[in-house]
Amino acid sequence: MRHRESRPADSSGQVTSSCSATLVLVGHVGFATDQTASGSVTSPGGSGFAAAYAAAALLDGVGLVAQVGQDFDLNALRHLRIGMDGVAVLPGFSARFRIEQAADGGLSFSSDLGVAAEPSFTSFPASYLQARYVHLGSAPPRQQLAWLEFLRAQGCQAVVSVDMFEPFVAAEPEACREACARADFIFLNQAEYQGLYDGRSHPPVPVIRKHGPGGAEYLADGISFRIPAPAVGEVDSIGAGEILAGAFLALRARGLAVERALAYSVAAAARSVTEFGVAGPQVTGELKRIRAELGSSLVPGASPPSR
């Protein structure tokens, strides 16, 4: 990857860097506590952090839009070599997430979004409106809807994707359906799909439906295929969906065909569940392997992920 200079936040709290973005990720960045049968770990996390971790490993030209508090170490982002023009440091505390995964597959979720409780559209750099892809990570649907309205109002022509999250689908299915209806591309798992579309028409836009250990499925008009996941020992599955989304969009931006991009993304997501957090050595090694295998033969500016 080429080096991008990162500088401290300016007087407005904006972190500045020199990055023109092909793929822009909008999501939360903070601290995630994952509790599973294997134990409990707190580490940097959030939908923005996880997707950016995967995307930046595979693509030069990734921009992140997020609001963090003064308690977050920006070096965790600078090490990703992403564009940080859209990262705002605000007085207060960063988002905190706690997810408990029961042995029977049940999920308990709580959060305190801190300084990210309300979207700050002023943190979205004007240059990012020229990106080819904008991804809205899992977040309360009202935030996703607000970002979708902002992007459309600003004339953004990017392919805009959204990612769902089970607790939000269960609590606010109508708002989640509306966010999906306004997007160009959707990421969700099987439970989320059933919660939103059971007994209803399939979304009119392409969907990646995640099946956990069963891999992931691509569904679009006239196209349907499934990529199986390699067998791995699961330790912590939280964040795997964001790893898949970030990797998939980065690979599509590099020009990879849909099926091959999804195959690589499923492999990366599978590695991420073998360890706590989303930045462990297993997933890092897999992302490096993918990048090395692809080399520099692909270039940004490919067709949208729906094709």
C-alpha atoms as a PDB file:
ATOM      1  CA  MET A   1       0.000   0.000   0.000  1.00  0.00           C
ATOM      2  CA  ARG A   2       1.202   3.503  -0.594  1.00  0.00           C
ATOM      3  CA  HIS A   3       1.714   5.664   2.466  1.00  0.00           C
ATOM      4  CA  ARG A   4      -0.762   8.394   3.255  1.00  0.00           C
ATOM      5  CA  GLU A   5       0.206  11.145   5.640  1.00  0.00           C
ATOM      6  CA  SER A   6      -2.101  11.503   8.627  1.00  0.00           C
ATOM      7  CA  ARG A   7      -2.146  14.574  10.816  1.00  0.00           C
ATOM      8  CA  PRO A   8      -3.789  15.400  14.166  1.00  0.00           C
ATOM      9  CA  ALA A   9      -7.280  16.792  14.406  1.00  0.00           C
ATOM     10  CA  ASP A  10      -7.624  20.438  13.466  1.00  0.00           C
ATOM     11  CA  SER A  11      -9.282  23.039  15.665  1.00  0.00           C
ATOM     12  CA  SER A  12     -12.755  21.864  14.610  1.00  0.00           C
ATOM     13  CA  GLY A  13     -12.055  18.317  15.676  1.00  0.00           C
ATOM     14  CA  GLN A  14     -11.672  17.059  12.109  1.00  0.00           C
ATOM     15  CA  VAL A  15      -8.823  14.653  11.414  1.00  0.00           C
ATOM     16  CA  THR A  16      -7.072  15.537   8.187  1.00  0.00           C
ATOM     17  CA  SER A  17      -5.229  13.354   5.686  1.00  0.00           C
ATOM     18  CA  SER A  18      -4.568  13.198   1.956  1.00  0.00           C
ATOM     19  CA  CYS A  19      -6.854  10.589   0.426  1.00  0.00           C
ATOM     20  CA  SER A  20      -9.109  10.536  -2.619  1.00  0.00           C
ATOM     21  CA  ALA A  21     -11.673   7.834  -1.948  1.00  0.00           C
ATOM     22  CA  THR A  22     -13.094   5.240  -4.308  1.00  0.00           C
ATOM     23  CA  LEU A  23     -14.936   3.497  -1.468  1.00  0.00           C
ATOM     24  CA  VAL A  24     -16.325   5.447   1.501  1.00  0.00           C
ATOM     25  CA  LEU A  25     -17.389   3.660   4.683  1.00  0.00           C
ATOM     26  CA  VAL A  26     -19.800   5.371   7.065  1.00  0.00           C
ATOM     27  CA  GLY A  27     -20.050   3.683  10.431  1.00  0.00           C
ATOM     28  CA  HIS A  28     -19.382   3.681  14.129  1.00  0.00           C
ATOM     29  CA  VAL A  29     -15.918   3.479  15.616  1.00  0.00           C
ATOM     30  CA  GLY A  30     -15.388   2.857  19.298  1.00  0.00           C
ATOM     31  CA  PHE A  31     -14.974   0.011  21.759  1.00  0.00           C
ATOM     32  CA  ALA A  32     -16.669  -3.382  21.439  1.00  0.00           C
ATOM     33  CA  THR A  33     -17.000  -5.965  24.190  1.00  0.00           C
ATOM     34  CA  ASP A  34     -17.751  -9.415  22.827  1.00  0.00           C
ATOM     35  CA  GLN A  35     -18.734 -12.132  25.271  1.00  0.00           C
ATOM     36  CA  THR A  36     -18.990 -15.717  24.063  1.00  0.00           C
ATOM     37  CA  ALA A  37     -18.581 -19.202  25.488  1.00  0.00           C
ATOM     38  CA  SER A  38     -14.847 -18.739  24.851  1.00  0.00           C
ATOM     39  CA  GLY A  39     -14.547 -15.655  27.072  1.00  0.00           C
ATOM     40  CA  SER A  40     -14.885 -11.876  26.875  1.00  0.00           C
ATOM     41  CA  VAL A  41     -12.666  -9.291  25.197  1.00  0.00           C
ATOM     42  CA  THR A  42     -12.912  -5.519  24.681  1.00  0.00           C
ATOM     43  CA  SER A  43     -11.177  -4.096  21.617  1.00  0.00           C
ATOM     44  CA  PRO A  44     -11.541  -1.366  18.972  1.00  0.00           C
ATOM     45  CA  GLY A  45     -14.704  -2.086  17.029  1.00  0.00           C
ATOM     46  CA  GLY A  46     -17.918  -0.834  15.550  1.00  0.00           C
ATOM     47  CA  SER A  47     -19.260  -1.279  12.026  1.00  0.00           C
ATOM     48  CA  GLY A  48     -17.049   1.453  10.582  1.00  0.00           C
ATOM     49  CA  PHE A  49     -13.863   0.098  12.115  1.00  0.00           C
ATOM     50  CA  ALA A  50     -14.505  -3.511  11.083  1.00  0.00           C
ATOM     51  CA  ALA A  51     -15.445  -2.744   7.470  1.00  0.00           C
ATOM     52  CA  ALA A  52     -12.545  -0.307   7.119  1.00  0.00           C
ATOM     53  CA  TYR A  53     -10.101  -2.876   8.485  1.00  0.00           C
ATOM     54  CA  ALA A  54     -10.973  -5.330   5.724  1.00  0.00           C
ATOM     55  CA  ALA A  55     -11.418  -2.829   2.902  1.00  0.00           C
ATOM     56  CA  ALA A  56      -8.174  -0.944   3.488  1.00  0.00           C
ATOM     57  CA  ALA A  57      -6.196  -4.184   3.435  1.00  0.00           C
ATOM     58  CA  LEU A  58      -7.386  -4.840  -0.119  1.00  0.00           C
ATOM     59  CA  LEU A  59      -7.882  -1.429  -1.726  1.00  0.00           C
ATOM     60  CA  ASP A  60      -6.012   1.857  -1.865  1.00  0.00           C
ATOM     61  CA  GLY A  61      -8.500   4.716  -1.758  1.00  0.00           C
ATOM     62  CA  VAL A  62     -10.741   3.858   1.201  1.00  0.00           C
ATOM     63  CA  GLY A  63     -12.248   6.743   3.172  1.00  0.00           C
ATOM     64  CA  LEU A  64     -13.863   6.476   6.598  1.00  0.00           C
ATOM     65  CA  VAL A  65     -16.586   8.727   8.010  1.00  0.00           C
ATOM     66  CA  ALA A  66     -17.024   8.391  11.768  1.00  0.00           C
ATOM     67  CA  GLN A  67     -17.374  10.375  14.990  1.00  0.00           C
ATOM     68  CA  VAL A  68     -15.087   9.373  17.847  1.00  0.00           C
ATOM     69  CA  GLY A  69     -14.498  10.762  21.299  1.00  0.00           C
ATOM     70  CA  GLN A  70     -11.281  12.022  22.784  1.00  0.00           C
ATOM     71  CA  ASP A  71     -10.826   8.634  24.461  1.00  0.00           C
ATOM     72  CA  PHE A  72     -10.140   6.831  21.164  1.00  0.00           C
ATOM     73  CA  ASP A  73      -6.532   6.306  20.032  1.00  0.00           C
ATOM     74  CA  LEU A  74      -6.459   7.477  16.428  1.00  0.00           C
ATOM     75  CA  ASN A  75      -3.388   5.341  15.758  1.00  0.00           C
ATOM     76  CA  ALA A  76      -5.756   2.372  15.548  1.00  0.00           C
ATOM     77  CA  LEU A  77      -7.147   4.038  12.397  1.00  0.00           C
ATOM     78  CA  ARG A  78      -3.926   5.529  11.055  1.00  0.00           C
ATOM     79  CA  HIS A  79      -2.382   2.058  10.949  1.00  0.00           C
ATOM     80  CA  LEU A  80      -5.064   1.076   8.459  1.00  0.00           C
ATOM     81  CA  ARG A  81      -3.804   3.658   5.963  1.00  0.00           C
ATOM     82  CA  ILE A  82      -7.258   4.939   5.213  1.00  0.00           C
ATOM     83  CA  GLY A  83      -8.452   8.418   4.365  1.00  0.00           C
ATOM     84  CA  MET A  84      -9.380  10.114   7.633  1.00  0.00           C
ATOM     85  CA  ASP A  85     -10.779  13.366   6.287  1.00  0.00           C
ATOM     86  CA  GLY A  86     -14.197  12.209   7.483  1.00  0.00           C
ATOM     87  CA  VAL A  87     -13.145  11.218  11.014  1.00  0.00           C
ATOM     88  CA  ALA A  88     -14.217  13.832  13.549  1.00  0.00           C
ATOM     89  CA  VAL A  89     -12.879  13.868  17.117  1.00  0.00           C
ATOM     90  CA  LEU A  90     -15.525  15.348  19.406  1.00  0.00           C
ATOM     91  CA  PRO A  91     -15.559  16.187  23.119  1.00  0.00           C
ATOM     92  CA  GLY A  92     -16.949  13.233  25.007  1.00  0.00           C
ATOM     93  CA  PHE A  93     -16.851   9.454  24.833  1.00  0.00           C
ATOM     94  CA  SER A  94     -16.661   7.147  21.837  1.00  0.00           C
ATOM     95  CA  ALA A  95     -19.364   4.609  21.085  1.00  0.00           C
ATOM     96  CA  ARG A  96     -19.385   1.491  23.225  1.00  0.00           C
ATOM     97  CA  PHE A  97     -20.978  -1.803  22.284  1.00  0.00           C
ATOM     98  CA  ARG A  98     -21.581  -4.960  24.276  1.00  0.00           C
ATOM     99  CA  ILE A  99     -22.677  -8.154  22.564  1.00  0.00           C
ATOM    100  CA  GLU A 100     -23.259 -11.431  24.372  1.00  0.00           C
ATOM    101  CA  GLN A 101     -23.585 -14.575  22.287  1.00  0.00           C
ATOM    102  CA  ALA A 102     -25.305 -17.493  23.995  1.00  0.00           C
ATOM    103  CA  ALA A 103     -24.428 -21.102  23.236  1.00  0.00           C
ATOM    104  CA  ASP A 104     -27.872 -21.598  21.676  1.00  0.00           C
ATOM    105  CA  GLY A 105     -27.256 -18.810  19.162  1.00  0.00           C
ATOM    106  CA  GLY A 106     -29.138 -16.116  21.069  1.00  0.00           C
ATOM    107  CA  LEU A 107     -27.826 -12.574  20.926  1.00  0.00           C
ATOM    108  CA  SER A 108     -27.948  -9.839  23.573  1.00  0.00           C
ATOM    109  CA  PHE A 109     -26.929  -6.340  22.512  1.00  0.00           C
ATOM    110  CA  SER A 110     -26.535  -3.006  24.258  1.00  0.00           C
ATOM    111  CA  SER A 111     -24.805   0.190  23.229  1.00  0.00           C
ATOM    112  CA  ASP A 112     -23.995   3.743  24.222  1.00  0.00           C
ATOM    113  CA  LEU A 113     -23.215   5.687  21.065  1.00  0.00           C
ATOM    114  CA  GLY A 114     -21.688   8.626  22.933  1.00  0.00           C
ATOM    115  CA  VAL A 115     -20.536  11.327  20.525  1.00  0.00           C
ATOM    116  CA  ALA A 116     -21.946   9.291  17.608  1.00  0.00           C
ATOM    117  CA  ALA A 117     -25.529   9.384  18.895  1.00  0.00           C
ATOM    118  CA  GLU A 118     -26.490  11.821  16.118  1.00  0.00           C
ATOM    119  CA  PRO A 119     -24.995  11.844  12.590  1.00  0.00           C
ATOM    120  CA  SER A 120     -22.772  14.798  11.789  1.00  0.00           C
ATOM    121  CA  PHE A 121     -23.092  15.466   8.081  1.00  0.00           C
ATOM    122  CA  THR A 122     -20.460  18.198   8.247  1.00  0.00           C
ATOM    123  CA  SER A 123     -17.908  15.433   8.811  1.00  0.00           C
ATOM    124  CA  PHE A 124     -18.564  14.068   5.304  1.00  0.00           C
ATOM    125  CA  PRO A 125     -15.943  15.642   3.010  1.00  0.00           C
ATOM    126  CA  ALA A 126     -17.286  17.135  -0.197  1.00  0.00           C
ATOM    127  CA  SER A 127     -14.696  15.155  -2.183  1.00  0.00           C
ATOM    128  CA  TYR A 128     -16.229  11.902  -0.926  1.00  0.00           C
ATOM    129  CA  LEU A 129     -19.393  12.690  -2.865  1.00  0.00           C
ATOM    130  CA  GLN A 130     -17.400  11.668  -5.962  1.00  0.00           C
ATOM    131  CA  ALA A 131     -16.724   8.157  -4.625  1.00  0.00           C
ATOM    132  CA  ARG A 132     -18.024   5.228  -6.647  1.00  0.00           C
ATOM    133  CA  TYR A 133     -19.211   3.333  -3.581  1.00  0.00           C
ATOM    134  CA  VAL A 134     -20.573   4.437  -0.209  1.00  0.00           C
ATOM    135  CA  HIS A 135     -21.344   1.834   2.442  1.00  0.00           C
ATOM    136  CA  LEU A 136     -23.509   2.483   5.497  1.00  0.00           C
ATOM    137  CA  GLY A 137     -22.466   0.042   8.198  1.00  0.00           C
ATOM    138  CA  SER A 138     -24.919  -1.467  10.648  1.00  0.00           C
ATOM    139  CA  ALA A 139     -26.447   1.299  12.769  1.00  0.00           C
ATOM    140  CA  PRO A 140     -29.844   2.349  14.107  1.00  0.00           C
ATOM    141  CA  PRO A 141     -32.025   2.599  10.987  1.00  0.00           C
ATOM    142  CA  ARG A 142     -32.887   6.241  11.668  1.00  0.00           C
ATOM    143  CA  GLN A 143     -29.177   7.026  11.248  1.00  0.00           C
ATOM    144  CA  GLN A 144     -28.966   5.056   8.014  1.00  0.00           C
ATOM    145  CA  LEU A 145     -32.073   6.808   6.687  1.00  0.00           C
ATOM    146  CA  ALA A 146     -30.614  10.188   7.597  1.00  0.00           C
ATOM    147  CA  TRP A 147     -27.401   9.379   5.718  1.00  0.00           C
ATOM    148  CA  LEU A 148     -29.333   8.115   2.695  1.00  0.00           C
ATOM    149  CA  GLU A 149     -31.360  11.327   2.579  1.00  0.00           C
ATOM    150  CA  PHE A 150     -28.196  13.419   2.916  1.00  0.00           C
ATOM    151  CA  LEU A 151     -26.344  11.562   0.167  1.00  0.00           C
ATOM    152  CA  ARG A 152     -29.237  11.760  -2.278  1.00  0.00           C
ATOM    153  CA  ALA A 153     -29.822  15.441  -1.501  1.00  0.00           C
ATOM    154  CA  GLN A 154     -26.159  16.160  -2.199  1.00  0.00           C
ATOM    155  CA  GLY A 155     -26.368  14.498  -5.589  1.00  0.00           C
ATOM    156  CA  CYS A 156     -24.103  11.601  -4.681  1.00  0.00           C
ATOM    157  CA  GLN A 157     -24.065   9.145  -7.596  1.00  0.00           C
ATOM    158  CA  ALA A 158     -22.286   6.342  -5.753  1.00  0.00           C
ATOM    159  CA  VAL A 159     -23.659   2.847  -5.334  1.00  0.00           C
ATOM    160  CA  VAL A 160     -24.915   3.091  -1.744  1.00  0.00           C
ATOM    161  CA  SER A 161     -25.081  -0.127   0.287  1.00  0.00           C
ATOM    162  CA  VAL A 162     -26.515  -0.781   3.739  1.00  0.00           C
ATOM    163  CA  ASP A 163     -25.851  -3.505   6.302  1.00  0.00           C
ATOM    164  CA  MET A 164     -28.519  -4.748   8.699  1.00  0.00           C
ATOM    165  CA  PHE A 165     -28.213  -5.918  12.338  1.00  0.00           C
ATOM    166  CA  GLU A 166     -30.516  -8.412  14.058  1.00  0.00           C
ATOM    167  CA  PRO A 167     -31.448  -6.329  17.147  1.00  0.00           C
ATOM    168  CA  PHE A 168     -32.387  -3.351  14.969  1.00  0.00           C
ATOM    169  CA  VAL A 169     -34.421  -5.530  12.596  1.00  0.00           C
ATOM    170  CA  ALA A 170     -36.302  -7.029  15.552  1.00  0.00           C
ATOM    171  CA  ALA A 171     -36.981  -3.636  17.154  1.00  0.00           C
ATOM    172  CA  GLU A 172     -37.620  -1.484  14.068  1.00  0.00           C
ATOM    173  CA  PRO A 173     -38.460  -3.661  11.053  1.00  0.00           C
ATOM    174  CA  GLU A 174     -40.343  -0.937   9.159  1.00  0.00           C
ATOM    175  CA  ALA A 175     -37.468   1.534   9.404  1.00  0.00           C
ATOM    176  CA  CYS A 176     -34.986  -1.159   8.402  1.00  0.00           C
ATOM    177  CA  ARG A 177     -37.120  -2.072   5.378  1.00  0.00           C
ATOM    178  CA  GLU A 178     -37.253   1.575   4.391  1.00  0.00           C
ATOM    179  CA  ALA A 179     -33.447   1.863   4.591  1.00  0.00           C
ATOM    180  CA  CYS A 180     -33.107  -1.228   2.405  1.00  0.00           C
ATOM    181  CA  ALA A 181     -35.663   0.146  -0.068  1.00  0.00           C
ATOM    182  CA  ARG A 182     -33.658   3.337  -0.524  1.00  0.00           C
ATOM    183  CA  ALA A 183     -30.302   1.577  -0.954  1.00  0.00           C
ATOM    184  CA  ASP A 184     -28.698   0.165  -4.102  1.00  0.00           C
ATOM    185  CA  PHE A 185     -27.257  -2.926  -2.430  1.00  0.00           C
ATOM    186  CA  ILE A 186     -28.068  -4.795   0.803  1.00  0.00           C
ATOM    187  CA  PHE A 187     -26.078  -6.972   3.206  1.00  0.00           C
ATOM    188  CA  LEU A 188     -28.035  -9.039   5.754  1.00  0.00           C
ATOM    189  CA  ASN A 189     -28.038 -12.459   7.364  1.00  0.00           C
ATOM    190  CA  GLN A 190     -30.716 -15.127   7.138  1.00  0.00           C
ATOM    191  CA  ALA A 191     -32.479 -14.090  10.371  1.00  0.00           C
ATOM    192  CA  GLU A 192     -32.545 -10.456   9.240  1.00  0.00           C
ATOM    193  CA  TYR A 193     -33.842 -11.458   5.817  1.00  0.00           C
ATOM    194  CA  GLN A 194     -36.670 -13.439   7.391  1.00  0.00           C
ATOM    195  CA  GLY A 195     -37.470 -10.606   9.792  1.00  0.00           C
ATOM    196  CA  LEU A 196     -37.767  -8.114   6.949  1.00  0.00           C
ATOM    197  CA  TYR A 197     -39.001 -10.060   3.942  1.00  0.00           C
ATOM    198  CA  ASP A 198     -40.693 -13.258   5.155  1.00  0.00           C
ATOM    199  CA  GLY A 199     -43.996 -13.324   3.255  1.00  0.00           C
ATOM    200  CA  ARG A 200     -43.004 -10.210   1.292  1.00  0.00           C
ATOM    201  CA  SER A 201     -41.450  -9.578  -2.088  1.00  0.00           C
ATOM    202  CA  HIS A 202     -37.687  -9.953  -2.390  1.00  0.00           C
ATOM    203  CA  PRO A 203     -35.891  -6.574  -2.486  1.00  0.00           C
ATOM    204  CA  PRO A 204     -35.552  -5.161  -6.014  1.00  0.00           C
ATOM    205  CA  VAL A 205     -31.828  -4.535  -5.544  1.00  0.00           C
ATOM    206  CA  PRO A 206     -28.963  -7.045  -5.214  1.00  0.00           C
ATOM    207  CA  VAL A 207     -28.583  -8.740  -1.828  1.00  0.00           C
ATOM    208  CA  ILE A 208     -25.800 -10.624  -0.119  1.00  0.00           C
ATOM    209  CA  ARG A 209     -27.456 -12.945   2.368  1.00  0.00           C
ATOM    210  CA  LYS A 210     -25.069 -14.294   4.995  1.00  0.00           C
ATOM    211  CA  HIS A 211     -25.483 -17.800   6.398  1.00  0.00           C
ATOM    212  CA  GLY A 212     -22.726 -17.860   9.016  1.00  0.00           C
ATOM    213  CA  PRO A 213     -20.939 -21.238   8.824  1.00  0.00           C
ATOM    214  CA  GLY A 214     -23.010 -21.887   5.695  1.00  0.00           C
ATOM    215  CA  GLY A 215     -21.258 -19.170   3.714  1.00  0.00           C
ATOM    216  CA  ALA A 216     -23.005 -16.395   1.815  1.00  0.00           C
ATOM    217  CA  GLU A 217     -25.501 -16.106  -1.012  1.00  0.00           C
ATOM    218  CA  TYR A 218     -25.707 -13.533  -3.795  1.00  0.00           C
ATOM    219  CA  LEU A 219     -29.219 -12.712  -5.001  1.00  0.00           C
ATOM    220  CA  ALA A 220     -29.969 -10.356  -7.865  1.00  0.00           C
ATOM    221  CA  ASP A 221     -32.294 -10.151 -10.834  1.00  0.00           C
ATOM    222  CA  GLY A 222     -31.679 -13.381 -12.754  1.00  0.00           C
ATOM    223  CA  ILE A 223     -28.556 -14.231 -10.742  1.00  0.00           C
ATOM    224  CA  SER A 224     -28.251 -16.467  -7.707  1.00  0.00           C
ATOM    225  CA  PHE A 225     -25.325 -18.391  -6.309  1.00  0.00           C
ATOM    226  CA  ARG A 226     -23.926 -19.411  -2.942  1.00  0.00           C
ATOM    227  CA  ILE A 227     -20.346 -19.511  -1.711  1.00  0.00           C
ATOM    228  CA  PRO A 228     -19.678 -22.092   1.027  1.00  0.00           C
ATOM    229  CA  ALA A 229     -17.522 -21.117   3.991  1.00  0.00           C
ATOM    230  CA  PRO A 230     -14.443 -23.122   4.974  1.00  0.00           C
ATOM    231  CA  ALA A 231     -14.815 -25.162   8.163  1.00  0.00           C
ATOM    232  CA  VAL A 232     -13.235 -23.290  11.081  1.00  0.00           C
ATOM    233  CA  GLY A 233     -13.403 -23.295  14.857  1.00  0.00           C
ATOM    234  CA  GLU A 234     -15.632 -20.408  15.920  1.00  0.00           C
ATOM    235  CA  VAL A 235     -14.510 -18.204  18.813  1.00  0.00           C
ATOM    236  CA  ASP A 236     -16.271 -14.885  18.135  1.00  0.00           C
ATOM    237  CA  SER A 237     -18.524 -14.256  15.136  1.00  0.00           C
ATOM    238  CA  ILE A 238     -19.223 -10.579  15.866  1.00  0.00           C
ATOM    239  CA  GLY A 239     -17.844  -8.352  13.133  1.00  0.00           C
ATOM    240  CA  ALA A 240     -17.572 -11.110  10.539  1.00  0.00           C
ATOM    241  CA  GLY A 241     -20.410  -9.575   8.510  1.00  0.00           C
ATOM    242  CA  GLU A 242     -18.626  -6.222   8.393  1.00  0.00           C
ATOM    243  CA  ILE A 243     -15.388  -7.943   7.363  1.00  0.00           C
ATOM    244  CA  LEU A 244     -17.290  -9.607   4.525  1.00  0.00           C
ATOM    245  CA  ALA A 245     -18.910  -6.345   3.399  1.00  0.00           C
ATOM    246  CA  GLY A 246     -15.698  -4.330   3.520  1.00  0.00           C
ATOM    247  CA  ALA A 247     -13.735  -6.983   1.644  1.00  0.00           C
ATOM    248  CA  PHE A 248     -16.438  -7.536  -0.972  1.00  0.00           C
ATOM    249  CA  LEU A 249     -16.851  -3.858  -1.817  1.00  0.00           C
ATOM    250  CA  ALA A 250     -13.093  -3.304  -1.935  1.00  0.00           C
ATOM    251  CA  LEU A 251     -12.613  -6.229  -4.308  1.00  0.00           C
ATOM    252  CA  ARG A 252     -15.464  -5.117  -6.546  1.00  0.00           C
ATOM    253  CA  ALA A 253     -13.930  -1.636  -6.622  1.00  0.00           C
ATOM    254  CA  ARG A 254     -10.706  -3.300  -7.796  1.00  0.00           C
ATOM    255  CA  GLY A 255     -12.540  -4.970 -10.668  1.00  0.00           C
ATOM    256  CA  LEU A 256     -13.116  -8.506  -9.419  1.00  0.00           C
ATOM    257  CA  ALA A 257     -16.141 -10.387 -10.714  1.00  0.00           C
ATOM    258  CA  VAL A 258     -18.971 -10.779  -8.189  1.00  0.00           C
ATOM    259  CA  GLU A 259     -18.543 -14.506  -7.571  1.00  0.00           C
ATOM    260  CA  ARG A 260     -14.783 -14.334  -7.078  1.00  0.00           C
ATOM    261  CA  ALA A 261     -15.076 -11.255  -4.862  1.00  0.00           C
ATOM    262  CA  LEU A 262     -17.626 -13.005  -2.662  1.00  0.00           C
ATOM    263  CA  ALA A 263     -15.495 -16.148  -2.437  1.00  0.00           C
ATOM    264  CA  TYR A 264     -12.528 -14.161  -1.136  1.00  0.00           C
ATOM    265  CA  SER A 265     -14.790 -12.204   1.220  1.00  0.00           C
ATOM    266  CA  VAL A 266     -16.326 -15.344   2.710  1.00  0.00           C
ATOM    267  CA  ALA A 267     -12.836 -16.741   3.304  1.00  0.00           C
ATOM    268  CA  ALA A 268     -11.792 -13.558   5.142  1.00  0.00           C
ATOM    269  CA  ALA A 269     -14.979 -13.507   7.218  1.00  0.00           C
ATOM    270  CA  ALA A 270     -14.481 -17.171   8.155  1.00  0.00           C
ATOM    271  CA  ARG A 271     -10.991 -16.416   9.464  1.00  0.00           C
ATOM    272  CA  SER A 272     -12.310 -13.527  11.523  1.00  0.00           C
ATOM    273  CA  VAL A 273     -14.569 -15.796  13.603  1.00  0.00           C
ATOM    274  CA  THR A 274     -11.604 -17.847  14.807  1.00  0.00           C
ATOM    275  CA  GLU A 275     -10.439 -15.067  17.146  1.00  0.00           C
ATOM    276  CA  PHE A 276     -11.807 -12.223  19.246  1.00  0.00           C
ATOM    277  CA  GLY A 277     -12.213  -8.819  17.635  1.00  0.00           C
ATOM    278  CA  VAL A 278     -11.847  -7.955  13.967  1.00  0.00           C
ATOM    279  CA  ALA A 279      -8.126  -7.190  13.783  1.00  0.00           C
ATOM    280  CA  GLY A 280      -6.528 -10.444  14.915  1.00  0.00           C
ATOM    281  CA  PRO A 281      -3.623 -12.252  13.238  1.00  0.00           C
ATOM    282  CA  GLN A 282      -5.790 -14.850  11.476  1.00  0.00           C
ATOM    283  CA  VAL A 283      -7.985 -12.422   9.550  1.00  0.00           C
ATOM    284  CA  THR A 284      -5.023 -10.103   8.991  1.00  0.00           C
ATOM    285  CA  GLY A 285      -3.060 -12.965   7.476  1.00  0.00           C
ATOM    286  CA  GLU A 286      -5.963 -13.955   5.227  1.00  0.00           C
ATOM    287  CA  LEU A 287      -6.409 -10.403   3.951  1.00  0.00           C
ATOM    288  CA  LYS A 288      -2.680 -10.158   3.229  1.00  0.00           C
ATOM    289  CA  ARG A 289      -2.829 -13.492   1.401  1.00  0.00           C
ATOM    290  CA  ILE A 290      -5.704 -12.285  -0.771  1.00  0.00           C
ATOM    291  CA  ARG A 291      -3.942  -9.033  -1.612  1.00  0.00           C
ATOM    292  CA  ALA A 292      -0.714 -10.848  -2.470  1.00  0.00           C
ATOM    293  CA  GLU A 293      -2.569 -13.332  -4.671  1.00  0.00           C
ATOM    294  CA  LEU A 294      -4.328 -10.560  -6.569  1.00  0.00           C
ATOM    295  CA  GLY A 295      -1.211  -8.447  -6.958  1.00  0.00           C
ATOM    296  CA  SER A 296      -1.638  -5.205  -8.873  1.00  0.00           C
ATOM    297  CA  SER A 297      -3.361  -6.575 -11.967  1.00  0.00           C
ATOM    298  CA  LEU A 298      -6.731  -5.055 -11.045  1.00  0.00           C
ATOM    299  CA  VAL A 299      -7.514  -1.375 -11.113  1.00  0.00           C
ATOM    300  CA  PRO A 300     -10.142   0.820  -9.429  1.00  0.00           C
ATOM    301  CA  GLY A 301     -13.126   1.981 -11.444  1.00  0.00           C
ATOM    302  CA  ALA A 302     -14.886  -1.314 -12.088  1.00  0.00           C
ATOM    303  CA  SER A 303     -18.593  -1.713 -12.629  1.00  0.00           C
ATOM    304  CA  PRO A 304     -20.871  -1.462  -9.571  1.00  0.00           C
ATOM    305  CA  PRO A 305     -21.226  -4.550  -7.345  1.00  0.00           C
ATOM    306  CA  SER A 306     -24.681  -5.199  -8.770  1.00  0.00           C
ATOM    307  CA  ARG A 307     -23.239  -6.281 -12.099  1.00  0.00           C
END
